[in-house]
Amino acid sequence: MDDYVVVRNDEEQYSIWPAGDPLPAGWHAEGVRGPRQECLDHIDRVWTDMRPASSRGA
């Protein structure tokens, strides 16, 4: 079973990334690691507004 990490970029968009692989520029680990589906389930719970941060306005 492969592990993944939940990552988030500066626009507050989420994704998963293979654990142990270097993160792409602009993405930061969120501290959640586990099987693919667990990471995706976490994203479903926390990412409630899918618009990029820059388009949400004040």
C-alpha atoms as a PDB file:
ATOM      1  CA  MET A   1       0.000   0.000   0.000  1.00  0.00           C
ATOM      2  CA  ASP A   2       1.405   3.371  -1.012  1.00  0.00           C
ATOM      3  CA  ASP A   3       1.282   6.345   1.327  1.00  0.00           C
ATOM      4  CA  TYR A   4       0.406   9.855   0.248  1.00  0.00           C
ATOM      5  CA  VAL A   5       0.521  13.255   1.876  1.00  0.00           C
ATOM      6  CA  VAL A   6      -2.112  15.969   1.647  1.00  0.00           C
ATOM      7  CA  VAL A   7      -0.634  19.126   0.163  1.00  0.00           C
ATOM      8  CA  ARG A   8      -1.945  22.665  -0.242  1.00  0.00           C
ATOM      9  CA  ASN A   9      -0.742  25.534  -2.396  1.00  0.00           C
ATOM     10  CA  ASP A  10      -0.720  29.279  -1.762  1.00  0.00           C
ATOM     11  CA  GLU A  11      -4.167  29.550  -3.405  1.00  0.00           C
ATOM     12  CA  GLU A  12      -5.473  27.128  -0.744  1.00  0.00           C
ATOM     13  CA  GLN A  13      -6.105  24.372  -3.258  1.00  0.00           C
ATOM     14  CA  TYR A  14      -5.565  20.797  -2.064  1.00  0.00           C
ATOM     15  CA  SER A  15      -4.110  17.703  -3.655  1.00  0.00           C
ATOM     16  CA  ILE A  16      -2.288  14.528  -2.700  1.00  0.00           C
ATOM     17  CA  TRP A  17       1.332  13.664  -3.420  1.00  0.00           C
ATOM     18  CA  PRO A  18       3.281  10.418  -3.058  1.00  0.00           C
ATOM     19  CA  ALA A  19       4.921  10.347   0.381  1.00  0.00           C
ATOM     20  CA  GLY A  20       8.683  10.628   0.163  1.00  0.00           C
ATOM     21  CA  ASP A  21       8.695  12.415  -3.200  1.00  0.00           C
ATOM     22  CA  PRO A  22       9.874  16.025  -3.236  1.00  0.00           C
ATOM     23  CA  LEU A  23       6.963  18.448  -3.314  1.00  0.00           C
ATOM     24  CA  PRO A  24       6.561  20.652  -6.372  1.00  0.00           C
ATOM     25  CA  ALA A  25       7.306  24.353  -5.973  1.00  0.00           C
ATOM     26  CA  GLY A  26       4.473  26.241  -4.300  1.00  0.00           C
ATOM     27  CA  TRP A  27       2.990  23.219  -2.496  1.00  0.00           C
ATOM     28  CA  HIS A  28       3.243  22.533   1.246  1.00  0.00           C
ATOM     29  CA  ALA A  29       2.499  19.401   3.275  1.00  0.00           C
ATOM     30  CA  GLU A  30      -0.567  19.709   5.498  1.00  0.00           C
ATOM     31  CA  GLY A  31       0.516  17.074   8.026  1.00  0.00           C
ATOM     32  CA  VAL A  32      -1.902  14.365   6.882  1.00  0.00           C
ATOM     33  CA  ARG A  33      -0.358  11.160   5.569  1.00  0.00           C
ATOM     34  CA  GLY A  34      -1.835   7.769   4.766  1.00  0.00           C
ATOM     35  CA  PRO A  35      -3.461   5.655   2.100  1.00  0.00           C
ATOM     36  CA  ARG A  36      -4.756   7.463  -0.994  1.00  0.00           C
ATOM     37  CA  GLN A  37      -8.435   7.219  -0.082  1.00  0.00           C
ATOM     38  CA  GLU A  38      -7.897   8.466   3.484  1.00  0.00           C
ATOM     39  CA  CYS A  39      -6.081  11.507   2.129  1.00  0.00           C
ATOM     40  CA  LEU A  40      -8.849  12.167  -0.403  1.00  0.00           C
ATOM     41  CA  ASP A  41     -11.484  11.790   2.332  1.00  0.00           C
ATOM     42  CA  HIS A  42      -9.620  14.359   4.444  1.00  0.00           C
ATOM     43  CA  ILE A  43      -9.595  16.797   1.515  1.00  0.00           C
ATOM     44  CA  ASP A  44     -13.353  16.285   1.052  1.00  0.00           C
ATOM     45  CA  ARG A  45     -13.884  17.282   4.705  1.00  0.00           C
ATOM     46  CA  VAL A  46     -11.667  20.383   4.767  1.00  0.00           C
ATOM     47  CA  TRP A  47     -11.838  21.845   1.252  1.00  0.00           C
ATOM     48  CA  THR A  48     -15.302  23.351   1.317  1.00  0.00           C
ATOM     49  CA  ASP A  49     -14.707  26.263  -1.087  1.00  0.00           C
ATOM     50  CA  MET A  50     -12.889  25.110  -4.190  1.00  0.00           C
ATOM     51  CA  ARG A  51     -12.354  28.592  -5.605  1.00  0.00           C
ATOM     52  CA  PRO A  52      -8.730  29.762  -5.526  1.00  0.00           C
ATOM     53  CA  ALA A  53      -8.082  32.152  -2.623  1.00  0.00           C
ATOM     54  CA  SER A  54      -7.349  35.010  -5.018  1.00  0.00           C
ATOM     55  CA  SER A  55     -10.821  34.764  -6.584  1.00  0.00           C
ATOM     56  CA  ARG A  56     -12.807  34.685  -3.328  1.00  0.00           C
ATOM     57  CA  GLY A  57     -12.486  38.411  -2.695  1.00  0.00           C
ATOM     58  CA  ALA A  58     -12.573  40.164   0.638  1.00  0.00           C
END
